[in-house]
Amino acid sequence: MNLIIFIASTSTLIGAFLAMFQFNTKKMLTFSTLSQIGLAIVPLALGNPTLAIFHLIIHAIYKASLFICAGRMANTLSEKAEISSDRSY
């Protein structure tokens, strides 16, 4: 059980760290999702599947809304998914 918690915590930290330094919106959302899935595995390892399912449902609703907004922004900004500091919106 401690190994599962360690792997899930490591996945959460690595996913969050990699998401912070992405300039591509799709990659940022992907690493953020990896981080959240790692976070949802921890309650499973601790024996609380209800909390894990609740977290996954809330995350799915939030992430679906975020993907819709990101797609709309990419469509509006001429299909560019890159975030750079030299562009002003």
C-alpha atoms as a PDB file:
ATOM      1  CA  MET A   1       0.000   0.000   0.000  1.00  0.00           C
ATOM      2  CA  ASN A   2       2.836   2.415   0.769  1.00  0.00           C
ATOM      3  CA  LEU A   3       4.301   1.747  -2.679  1.00  0.00           C
ATOM      4  CA  ILE A   4       1.008   2.693  -4.364  1.00  0.00           C
ATOM      5  CA  ILE A   5       0.798   5.912  -2.335  1.00  0.00           C
ATOM      6  CA  PHE A   6       4.404   6.741  -3.207  1.00  0.00           C
ATOM      7  CA  ILE A   7       3.847   6.149  -6.946  1.00  0.00           C
ATOM      8  CA  ALA A   8       0.603   8.155  -6.932  1.00  0.00           C
ATOM      9  CA  SER A   9       2.210  11.028  -5.030  1.00  0.00           C
ATOM     10  CA  THR A  10       5.197  11.022  -7.362  1.00  0.00           C
ATOM     11  CA  SER A  11       2.891  11.038 -10.372  1.00  0.00           C
ATOM     12  CA  THR A  12       0.977  13.956  -8.887  1.00  0.00           C
ATOM     13  CA  LEU A  13       4.101  16.001  -8.250  1.00  0.00           C
ATOM     14  CA  ILE A  14       5.753  15.252 -11.592  1.00  0.00           C
ATOM     15  CA  GLY A  15       2.547  15.942 -13.534  1.00  0.00           C
ATOM     16  CA  ALA A  16       1.998  19.256 -11.750  1.00  0.00           C
ATOM     17  CA  PHE A  17       5.641  20.277 -12.177  1.00  0.00           C
ATOM     18  CA  LEU A  18       5.624  19.477 -15.898  1.00  0.00           C
ATOM     19  CA  ALA A  19       2.300  21.285 -16.410  1.00  0.00           C
ATOM     20  CA  MET A  20       3.744  24.480 -14.958  1.00  0.00           C
ATOM     21  CA  PHE A  21       6.438  24.730 -17.629  1.00  0.00           C
ATOM     22  CA  GLN A  22       4.448  23.897 -20.765  1.00  0.00           C
ATOM     23  CA  PHE A  23       3.796  26.485 -23.454  1.00  0.00           C
ATOM     24  CA  ASN A  24       1.375  24.295 -25.381  1.00  0.00           C
ATOM     25  CA  THR A  25      -2.154  24.409 -23.983  1.00  0.00           C
ATOM     26  CA  LYS A  26      -2.953  20.788 -24.845  1.00  0.00           C
ATOM     27  CA  LYS A  27       0.199  19.503 -23.143  1.00  0.00           C
ATOM     28  CA  MET A  28      -0.518  21.650 -20.104  1.00  0.00           C
ATOM     29  CA  LEU A  29      -4.009  20.169 -19.770  1.00  0.00           C
ATOM     30  CA  THR A  30      -2.656  16.650 -20.305  1.00  0.00           C
ATOM     31  CA  PHE A  31      -0.034  16.923 -17.562  1.00  0.00           C
ATOM     32  CA  SER A  32      -2.599  18.514 -15.270  1.00  0.00           C
ATOM     33  CA  THR A  33      -4.890  15.515 -15.838  1.00  0.00           C
ATOM     34  CA  LEU A  34      -2.004  13.143 -15.072  1.00  0.00           C
ATOM     35  CA  SER A  35      -1.470  14.978 -11.823  1.00  0.00           C
ATOM     36  CA  GLN A  36      -5.139  14.748 -10.873  1.00  0.00           C
ATOM     37  CA  ILE A  37      -5.341  11.033 -11.646  1.00  0.00           C
ATOM     38  CA  GLY A  38      -2.365  10.455  -9.363  1.00  0.00           C
ATOM     39  CA  LEU A  39      -4.186  12.447  -6.704  1.00  0.00           C
ATOM     40  CA  ALA A  40      -7.312  10.285  -7.139  1.00  0.00           C
ATOM     41  CA  ILE A  41      -5.321   7.059  -6.639  1.00  0.00           C
ATOM     42  CA  VAL A  42      -4.268   8.066  -3.110  1.00  0.00           C
ATOM     43  CA  PRO A  43      -7.783   7.675  -1.576  1.00  0.00           C
ATOM     44  CA  LEU A  44      -8.074   4.300  -3.321  1.00  0.00           C
ATOM     45  CA  ALA A  45      -4.844   3.165  -1.704  1.00  0.00           C
ATOM     46  CA  LEU A  46      -6.071   4.423   1.670  1.00  0.00           C
ATOM     47  CA  GLY A  47      -9.304   2.437   1.307  1.00  0.00           C
ATOM     48  CA  ASN A  48     -11.746   5.222   0.487  1.00  0.00           C
ATOM     49  CA  PRO A  49     -13.109   4.540  -3.021  1.00  0.00           C
ATOM     50  CA  THR A  50     -16.067   6.903  -2.554  1.00  0.00           C
ATOM     51  CA  LEU A  51     -13.752   9.893  -2.247  1.00  0.00           C
ATOM     52  CA  ALA A  52     -11.756   8.761  -5.296  1.00  0.00           C
ATOM     53  CA  ILE A  53     -14.896   8.425  -7.438  1.00  0.00           C
ATOM     54  CA  PHE A  54     -16.160  11.808  -6.238  1.00  0.00           C
ATOM     55  CA  HIS A  55     -12.820  13.402  -7.134  1.00  0.00           C
ATOM     56  CA  LEU A  56     -12.814  11.813 -10.603  1.00  0.00           C
ATOM     57  CA  ILE A  57     -16.382  12.959 -11.346  1.00  0.00           C
ATOM     58  CA  ILE A  58     -15.712  16.535 -10.228  1.00  0.00           C
ATOM     59  CA  HIS A  59     -12.426  16.559 -12.150  1.00  0.00           C
ATOM     60  CA  ALA A  60     -14.126  15.240 -15.301  1.00  0.00           C
ATOM     61  CA  ILE A  61     -16.763  17.984 -15.206  1.00  0.00           C
ATOM     62  CA  TYR A  62     -14.154  20.674 -14.583  1.00  0.00           C
ATOM     63  CA  LYS A  63     -11.742  19.371 -17.224  1.00  0.00           C
ATOM     64  CA  ALA A  64     -14.474  19.028 -19.858  1.00  0.00           C
ATOM     65  CA  SER A  65     -15.388  22.670 -19.326  1.00  0.00           C
ATOM     66  CA  LEU A  66     -11.731  23.636 -19.478  1.00  0.00           C
ATOM     67  CA  PHE A  67     -11.203  21.739 -22.746  1.00  0.00           C
ATOM     68  CA  ILE A  68     -14.238  23.469 -24.268  1.00  0.00           C
ATOM     69  CA  CYS A  69     -12.863  26.867 -23.263  1.00  0.00           C
ATOM     70  CA  ALA A  70      -9.339  26.027 -24.462  1.00  0.00           C
ATOM     71  CA  GLY A  71     -10.689  24.800 -27.797  1.00  0.00           C
ATOM     72  CA  ARG A  72     -12.719  27.960 -28.193  1.00  0.00           C
ATOM     73  CA  MET A  73      -9.683  30.102 -27.407  1.00  0.00           C
ATOM     74  CA  ALA A  74      -7.504  28.157 -29.856  1.00  0.00           C
ATOM     75  CA  ASN A  75     -10.181  28.527 -32.533  1.00  0.00           C
ATOM     76  CA  THR A  76     -10.505  32.249 -31.870  1.00  0.00           C
ATOM     77  CA  LEU A  77      -6.742  32.822 -31.832  1.00  0.00           C
ATOM     78  CA  SER A  78      -6.155  31.361 -35.307  1.00  0.00           C
ATOM     79  CA  GLU A  79      -5.620  27.726 -34.272  1.00  0.00           C
ATOM     80  CA  LYS A  80      -2.534  28.539 -32.180  1.00  0.00           C
ATOM     81  CA  ALA A  81      -2.263  26.543 -28.986  1.00  0.00           C
ATOM     82  CA  GLU A  82       1.063  28.027 -27.949  1.00  0.00           C
ATOM     83  CA  ILE A  83       1.350  30.321 -24.962  1.00  0.00           C
ATOM     84  CA  SER A  84       4.294  32.652 -25.236  1.00  0.00           C
ATOM     85  CA  SER A  85       5.287  35.807 -23.441  1.00  0.00           C
ATOM     86  CA  ASP A  86       5.878  37.858 -26.602  1.00  0.00           C
ATOM     87  CA  ARG A  87       2.208  37.750 -27.687  1.00  0.00           C
ATOM     88  CA  SER A  88      -0.405  40.056 -26.281  1.00  0.00           C
ATOM     89  CA  TYR A  89      -4.032  38.983 -26.358  1.00  0.00           C
END
